[in-house]
C-alpha atoms as a PDB file:
ATOM      1  CA  MET A   1       0.000   0.000   0.000  1.00  0.00           C
ATOM      2  CA  VAL A   2       1.368   3.411  -0.914  1.00  0.00           C
ATOM      3  CA  SER A   3       1.150   6.423   1.340  1.00  0.00           C
ATOM      4  CA  LYS A   4      -1.509   9.022   0.657  1.00  0.00           C
ATOM      5  CA  GLY A   5       0.687  11.475  -1.236  1.00  0.00           C
ATOM      6  CA  GLU A   6       2.542   8.844  -3.266  1.00  0.00           C
ATOM      7  CA  ALA A   7       1.671   7.760  -6.803  1.00  0.00           C
ATOM      8  CA  ARG A   8       1.413   4.051  -7.322  1.00  0.00           C
ATOM      9  CA  GLU A   9       2.952   2.126 -10.150  1.00  0.00           C
ATOM     10  CA  VAL A  10       0.095   0.501 -12.031  1.00  0.00           C
ATOM     11  CA  GLN A  11       1.497  -2.970 -11.335  1.00  0.00           C
ATOM     12  CA  SER A  12       0.251  -2.633  -7.764  1.00  0.00           C
ATOM     13  CA  LYS A  13      -3.159  -4.103  -6.956  1.00  0.00           C
ATOM     14  CA  ALA A  14      -3.838  -1.759  -4.031  1.00  0.00           C
ATOM     15  CA  PRO A  15      -6.731   0.609  -4.748  1.00  0.00           C
ATOM     16  CA  ALA A  16      -5.838   4.255  -5.107  1.00  0.00           C
ATOM     17  CA  PRO A  17      -7.428   6.677  -2.647  1.00  0.00           C
ATOM     18  CA  MET A  18     -10.881   7.679  -3.837  1.00  0.00           C
ATOM     19  CA  GLN A  19     -11.095  11.230  -5.042  1.00  0.00           C
ATOM     20  CA  GLU A  20     -14.267  13.257  -4.745  1.00  0.00           C
ATOM     21  CA  ALA A  21     -16.446  12.412  -7.737  1.00  0.00           C
ATOM     22  CA  LEU A  22     -16.592  15.072 -10.422  1.00  0.00           C
ATOM     23  CA  PHE A  23     -20.276  14.338 -10.946  1.00  0.00           C
ATOM     24  CA  PRO A  24     -22.502  15.062  -7.954  1.00  0.00           C
ATOM     25  CA  GLN A  25     -25.521  13.363  -9.517  1.00  0.00           C
ATOM     26  CA  GLU A  26     -25.981  10.231 -11.565  1.00  0.00           C
ATOM     27  CA  LEU A  27     -24.092   9.920 -14.822  1.00  0.00           C
ATOM     28  CA  PRO A  28     -26.011  10.613 -18.029  1.00  0.00           C
ATOM     29  CA  GLU A  29     -27.371   7.433 -19.605  1.00  0.00           C
ATOM     30  CA  GLU A  30     -24.888   7.592 -22.509  1.00  0.00           C
ATOM     31  CA  MET A  31     -22.019   7.281 -19.992  1.00  0.00           C
ATOM     32  CA  THR A  32     -23.381   4.077 -18.475  1.00  0.00           C
ATOM     33  CA  GLU A  33     -23.516   0.562 -19.846  1.00  0.00           C
ATOM     34  CA  GLN A  34     -27.175   1.095 -20.802  1.00  0.00           C
ATOM     35  CA  VAL A  35     -25.975   2.639 -24.067  1.00  0.00           C
ATOM     36  CA  GLY A  36     -23.295   1.227 -26.334  1.00  0.00           C
ATOM     37  CA  TYR A  37     -21.387   2.456 -29.340  1.00  0.00           C
ATOM     38  CA  ARG A  38     -20.472   0.375 -32.362  1.00  0.00           C
ATOM     39  CA  GLY A  39     -17.025   0.065 -33.906  1.00  0.00           C
ATOM     40  CA  PRO A  40     -17.236   2.955 -36.404  1.00  0.00           C
ATOM     41  CA  ALA A  41     -18.356   5.397 -33.687  1.00  0.00           C
ATOM     42  CA  VAL A  42     -15.678   4.117 -31.298  1.00  0.00           C
ATOM     43  CA  CYS A  43     -12.978   4.513 -33.939  1.00  0.00           C
ATOM     44  CA  ARG A  44     -14.001   8.097 -34.642  1.00  0.00           C
ATOM     45  CA  ALA A  45     -14.280   9.042 -30.965  1.00  0.00           C
ATOM     46  CA  ALA A  46     -11.016   7.377 -29.888  1.00  0.00           C
ATOM     47  CA  GLY A  47      -8.903   7.998 -32.992  1.00  0.00           C
ATOM     48  CA  VAL A  48      -8.092   4.347 -33.672  1.00  0.00           C
ATOM     49  CA  THR A  49      -8.531   2.149 -36.708  1.00  0.00           C
ATOM     50  CA  TYR A  50     -11.107  -0.609 -36.856  1.00  0.00           C
ATOM     51  CA  ARG A  51      -8.268  -3.106 -37.258  1.00  0.00           C
ATOM     52  CA  GLN A  52      -6.727  -1.950 -33.957  1.00  0.00           C
ATOM     53  CA  LEU A  53     -10.099  -2.078 -32.208  1.00  0.00           C
ATOM     54  CA  ASP A  54     -10.822  -5.580 -33.492  1.00  0.00           C
ATOM     55  CA  TYR A  55      -7.336  -6.817 -32.556  1.00  0.00           C
ATOM     56  CA  TRP A  56      -7.614  -5.437 -29.014  1.00  0.00           C
ATOM     57  CA  ALA A  57     -11.016  -7.113 -28.558  1.00  0.00           C
ATOM     58  CA  ARG A  58      -9.820 -10.464 -29.936  1.00  0.00           C
ATOM     59  CA  THR A  59      -6.648 -10.483 -27.809  1.00  0.00           C
ATOM     60  CA  GLY A  60      -8.484  -9.414 -24.651  1.00  0.00           C
ATOM     61  CA  LEU A  61      -6.684  -6.086 -24.222  1.00  0.00           C
ATOM     62  CA  LEU A  62     -10.051  -4.350 -24.095  1.00  0.00           C
ATOM     63  CA  GLU A  63     -13.262  -6.228 -24.775  1.00  0.00           C
ATOM     64  CA  PRO A  64     -16.520  -4.324 -25.159  1.00  0.00           C
ATOM     65  CA  SER A  65     -18.462  -4.272 -21.901  1.00  0.00           C
ATOM     66  CA  VAL A  66     -21.967  -3.573 -23.274  1.00  0.00           C
ATOM     67  CA  ARG A  67     -22.126  -6.415 -25.795  1.00  0.00           C
ATOM     68  CA  ASN A  68     -19.335  -8.750 -26.867  1.00  0.00           C
ATOM     69  CA  PRO A  69     -20.859 -11.314 -29.211  1.00  0.00           C
ATOM     70  CA  SER A  70     -19.012 -14.279 -30.578  1.00  0.00           C
ATOM     71  CA  GLY A  71     -19.549 -15.073 -34.225  1.00  0.00           C
ATOM     72  CA  SER A  72     -20.951 -12.875 -36.943  1.00  0.00           C
ATOM     73  CA  GLY A  73     -24.266 -11.120 -37.205  1.00  0.00           C
ATOM     74  CA  HIS A  74     -24.057  -9.017 -34.043  1.00  0.00           C
ATOM     75  CA  GLN A  75     -22.061  -5.874 -33.499  1.00  0.00           C
ATOM     76  CA  ARG A  76     -19.839  -5.289 -30.498  1.00  0.00           C
ATOM     77  CA  LEU A  77     -21.059  -2.429 -28.340  1.00  0.00           C
ATOM     78  CA  TYR A  78     -18.563  -0.411 -26.312  1.00  0.00           C
ATOM     79  CA  SER A  79     -19.438   1.717 -23.296  1.00  0.00           C
ATOM     80  CA  PHE A  80     -18.322   5.297 -22.702  1.00  0.00           C
ATOM     81  CA  ARG A  81     -15.797   3.927 -20.212  1.00  0.00           C
ATOM     82  CA  ASP A  82     -14.443   1.471 -22.813  1.00  0.00           C
ATOM     83  CA  ILE A  83     -13.943   4.319 -25.298  1.00  0.00           C
ATOM     84  CA  LEU A  84     -12.181   6.405 -22.675  1.00  0.00           C
ATOM     85  CA  VAL A  85      -9.767   3.529 -21.981  1.00  0.00           C
ATOM     86  CA  ILE A  86      -9.283   2.894 -25.728  1.00  0.00           C
ATOM     87  CA  LYS A  87      -8.236   6.516 -26.201  1.00  0.00           C
ATOM     88  CA  VAL A  88      -5.775   6.131 -23.310  1.00  0.00           C
ATOM     89  CA  ILE A  89      -4.395   2.913 -24.863  1.00  0.00           C
ATOM     90  CA  LYS A  90      -3.849   4.789 -28.132  1.00  0.00           C
ATOM     91  CA  ARG A  91      -2.011   7.614 -26.382  1.00  0.00           C
ATOM     92  CA  LEU A  92       0.190   5.211 -24.430  1.00  0.00           C
ATOM     93  CA  LEU A  93       1.058   3.298 -27.611  1.00  0.00           C
ATOM     94  CA  ASP A  94       1.835   6.555 -29.431  1.00  0.00           C
ATOM     95  CA  THR A  95       4.342   7.482 -26.726  1.00  0.00           C
ATOM     96  CA  GLY A  96       6.131   4.134 -26.889  1.00  0.00           C
ATOM     97  CA  VAL A  97       4.850   2.401 -23.761  1.00  0.00           C
ATOM     98  CA  SER A  98       5.074  -1.383 -24.118  1.00  0.00           C
ATOM     99  CA  LEU A  99       1.944  -3.425 -24.706  1.00  0.00           C
ATOM    100  CA  GLN A 100       2.734  -5.370 -21.529  1.00  0.00           C
ATOM    101  CA  GLN A 101       2.651  -2.164 -19.444  1.00  0.00           C
ATOM    102  CA  ILE A 102      -0.507  -1.021 -21.245  1.00  0.00           C
ATOM    103  CA  ARG A 103      -2.233  -4.312 -20.344  1.00  0.00           C
ATOM    104  CA  VAL A 104      -1.365  -3.720 -16.689  1.00  0.00           C
ATOM    105  CA  ALA A 105      -2.598  -0.114 -16.885  1.00  0.00           C
ATOM    106  CA  VAL A 106      -5.892  -1.225 -18.467  1.00  0.00           C
ATOM    107  CA  THR A 107      -6.414  -3.774 -15.685  1.00  0.00           C
ATOM    108  CA  VAL A 108      -5.871  -1.080 -13.048  1.00  0.00           C
ATOM    109  CA  LEU A 109      -8.183   1.392 -14.820  1.00  0.00           C
ATOM    110  CA  ARG A 110     -10.920  -1.269 -14.922  1.00  0.00           C
ATOM    111  CA  GLU A 111     -10.774  -1.439 -11.097  1.00  0.00           C
ATOM    112  CA  HIS A 112     -12.112   2.111 -10.877  1.00  0.00           C
ATOM    113  CA  GLY A 113     -15.673   3.285 -11.222  1.00  0.00           C
ATOM    114  CA  VAL A 114     -16.315   5.393 -14.304  1.00  0.00           C
ATOM    115  CA  GLU A 115     -16.734   8.538 -12.173  1.00  0.00           C
ATOM    116  CA  GLU A 116     -13.287   8.009 -10.606  1.00  0.00           C
ATOM    117  CA  LEU A 117     -11.485   7.834 -13.960  1.00  0.00           C
ATOM    118  CA  ALA A 118     -11.817  11.572 -14.567  1.00  0.00           C
ATOM    119  CA  GLY A 119      -9.706  12.250 -11.447  1.00  0.00           C
ATOM    120  CA  ILE A 120      -6.744  10.082 -12.516  1.00  0.00           C
ATOM    121  CA  THR A 121      -3.558  11.156 -14.272  1.00  0.00           C
ATOM    122  CA  LEU A 122      -1.347   8.454 -15.750  1.00  0.00           C
ATOM    123  CA  MET A 123       2.344   9.324 -15.743  1.00  0.00           C
ATOM    124  CA  SER A 124       5.067   7.355 -17.472  1.00  0.00           C
ATOM    125  CA  ASP A 125       8.811   7.356 -17.844  1.00  0.00           C
ATOM    126  CA  GLY A 126       8.495   5.216 -20.974  1.00  0.00           C
ATOM    127  CA  ALA A 127       9.026   1.960 -19.081  1.00  0.00           C
ATOM    128  CA  SER A 128       6.579   2.084 -16.176  1.00  0.00           C
ATOM    129  CA  VAL A 129       3.167   3.688 -15.845  1.00  0.00           C
ATOM    130  CA  TYR A 130       2.079   5.386 -12.606  1.00  0.00           C
ATOM    131  CA  GLU A 131      -1.407   6.233 -11.429  1.00  0.00           C
ATOM    132  CA  CYS A 132      -1.777   9.629  -9.770  1.00  0.00           C
ATOM    133  CA  THR A 133      -4.968  10.769  -8.088  1.00  0.00           C
ATOM    134  CA  SER A 134      -3.745  14.151  -6.839  1.00  0.00           C
ATOM    135  CA  ASP A 135      -1.630  17.057  -8.016  1.00  0.00           C
ATOM    136  CA  ASP A 136       0.826  16.326  -5.202  1.00  0.00           C
ATOM    137  CA  GLN A 137       1.441  12.827  -6.575  1.00  0.00           C
ATOM    138  CA  VAL A 138       2.156  14.236 -10.055  1.00  0.00           C
ATOM    139  CA  ILE A 139       4.576  16.811  -8.601  1.00  0.00           C
ATOM    140  CA  ASP A 140       6.329  14.151  -6.493  1.00  0.00           C
ATOM    141  CA  LEU A 141       6.851  11.960  -9.563  1.00  0.00           C
ATOM    142  CA  LEU A 142       8.214  14.875 -11.570  1.00  0.00           C
ATOM    143  CA  ARG A 143      10.565  15.845  -8.740  1.00  0.00           C
ATOM    144  CA  GLY A 144      11.807  12.268  -8.554  1.00  0.00           C
ATOM    145  CA  GLY A 145      12.473  12.282 -12.283  1.00  0.00           C
ATOM    146  CA  GLN A 146      10.067   9.393 -12.916  1.00  0.00           C
ATOM    147  CA  GLY A 147       7.382  11.108 -14.987  1.00  0.00           C
ATOM    148  CA  VAL A 148       8.271  12.004 -18.545  1.00  0.00           C
ATOM    149  CA  PHE A 149       4.737  12.474 -19.824  1.00  0.00           C
ATOM    150  CA  GLY A 150       1.263  12.388 -18.383  1.00  0.00           C
ATOM    151  CA  ILE A 151      -2.274  11.687 -19.516  1.00  0.00           C
ATOM    152  CA  ALA A 152      -4.952  13.488 -17.507  1.00  0.00           C
ATOM    153  CA  LEU A 153      -8.011  11.275 -17.877  1.00  0.00           C
ATOM    154  CA  GLY A 154     -10.273  14.247 -17.124  1.00  0.00           C
ATOM    155  CA  SER A 155      -9.257  15.938 -20.378  1.00  0.00           C
ATOM    156  CA  VAL A 156      -9.553  12.646 -22.291  1.00  0.00           C
ATOM    157  CA  TRP A 157     -13.012  12.287 -20.724  1.00  0.00           C
ATOM    158  CA  ARG A 158     -14.101  15.673 -22.111  1.00  0.00           C
ATOM    159  CA  GLU A 159     -12.718  14.848 -25.575  1.00  0.00           C
ATOM    160  CA  VAL A 160     -14.581  11.532 -25.710  1.00  0.00           C
ATOM    161  CA  GLU A 161     -17.763  13.117 -24.350  1.00  0.00           C
ATOM    162  CA  GLY A 162     -17.611  15.812 -27.052  1.00  0.00           C
ATOM    163  CA  SER A 163     -16.987  13.290 -29.841  1.00  0.00           C
ATOM    164  CA  LEU A 164     -19.763  10.953 -28.728  1.00  0.00           C
ATOM    165  CA  SER A 165     -22.312  13.763 -28.567  1.00  0.00           C
ATOM    166  CA  GLU A 166     -22.224  13.762 -32.383  1.00  0.00           C
ATOM    167  CA  LEU A 167     -22.205   9.956 -32.813  1.00  0.00           C
ATOM    168  CA  PRO A 168     -25.051   7.451 -32.497  1.00  0.00           C
ATOM    169  CA  GLY A 169     -25.328   5.170 -29.506  1.00  0.00           C
ATOM    170  CA  GLU A 170     -27.752   2.317 -29.018  1.00  0.00           C
ATOM    171  CA  ARG A 171     -29.238   0.139 -26.345  1.00  0.00           C
ATOM    172  CA  PRO A 172     -27.940  -3.438 -26.347  1.00  0.00           C
ATOM    173  CA  ASP A 173     -31.478  -4.852 -26.315  1.00  0.00           C
ATOM    174  CA  ALA A 174     -32.797  -2.688 -29.182  1.00  0.00           C
ATOM    175  CA  GLU A 175     -34.807  -4.605 -31.799  1.00  0.00           C
ATOM    176  CA  VAL A 176     -33.608  -2.365 -34.630  1.00  0.00           C
ATOM    177  CA  PRO A 177     -29.987  -1.196 -34.539  1.00  0.00           C
ATOM    178  CA  ALA A 178     -29.363   2.536 -34.573  1.00  0.00           C
ATOM    179  CA  ASP A 179     -28.465   4.139 -37.884  1.00  0.00           C
ATOM    180  CA  HIS A 180     -24.713   4.606 -38.076  1.00  0.00           C
ATOM    181  CA  PRO A 181     -23.663   6.797 -40.987  1.00  0.00           C
ATOM    182  CA  GLY A 182     -20.503   5.420 -42.535  1.00  0.00           C
ATOM    183  CA  ASP A 183     -21.003   1.869 -41.196  1.00  0.00           C
ATOM    184  CA  GLU A 184     -19.700   0.073 -44.288  1.00  0.00           C
ATOM    185  CA  LEU A 185     -20.217  -3.418 -42.876  1.00  0.00           C
ATOM    186  CA  ARG A 186     -23.906  -2.791 -42.217  1.00  0.00           C
ATOM    187  CA  GLU A 187     -24.348  -1.255 -45.670  1.00  0.00           C
ATOM    188  CA  ARG A 188     -22.706  -4.300 -47.340  1.00  0.00           C
ATOM    189  CA  ARG A 189     -24.928  -6.696 -45.396  1.00  0.00           C
ATOM    190  CA  ALA A 190     -28.052  -4.725 -46.358  1.00  0.00           C
ATOM    191  CA  ARG A 191     -27.043  -4.793 -50.044  1.00  0.00           C
ATOM    192  CA  ARG A 192     -26.546  -8.568 -49.889  1.00  0.00           C
ATOM    193  CA  ARG A 193     -29.966  -9.099 -48.335  1.00  0.00           C
ATOM    194  CA  THR A 194     -31.737  -7.002 -50.980  1.00  0.00           C
ATOM    195  CA  ALA A 195     -29.748  -8.588 -53.834  1.00  0.00           C
ATOM    196  CA  GLY A 196     -30.428 -12.173 -52.678  1.00  0.00           C
END
């Protein structure tokens, strides 16, 4: 267990101290697992390719939490939280953090409630990733020479929230899937059904 003012390396399983939630009331429905986003919307909101998204789901780096079907015919649905973590994965990869460290970071981020994520800053020296829940922890890491770059999840949160406000979400139990402009796979399937 780390002391209160100390950042913890994400390899640790000890929970970080809970920070006051940024949202005094319940989260909007689109930020819960009651609404999911399909691959094309996730890719646009997180800035990843569909190939990356598919690979991460198949290898278990980040599986969709709203709906993760096996086989064809059903679309994966990712939650707001999933998209937030996907954007963090992308940023960590872009800065050269190893996939092994990213897997550990994702596991630690999954331990937190969605409201807590906005109060976390991930710091890295390129080899290790540290979870900071206060400004003092960030400053201590920088003083110790451990933090080379940081990702404030609060700012990533706002970016994802802004992107998703323009993209369609859907309920996992919906009879008719939501219309997703630019969903090439759905368009190809519809053409095959009408041609056959």
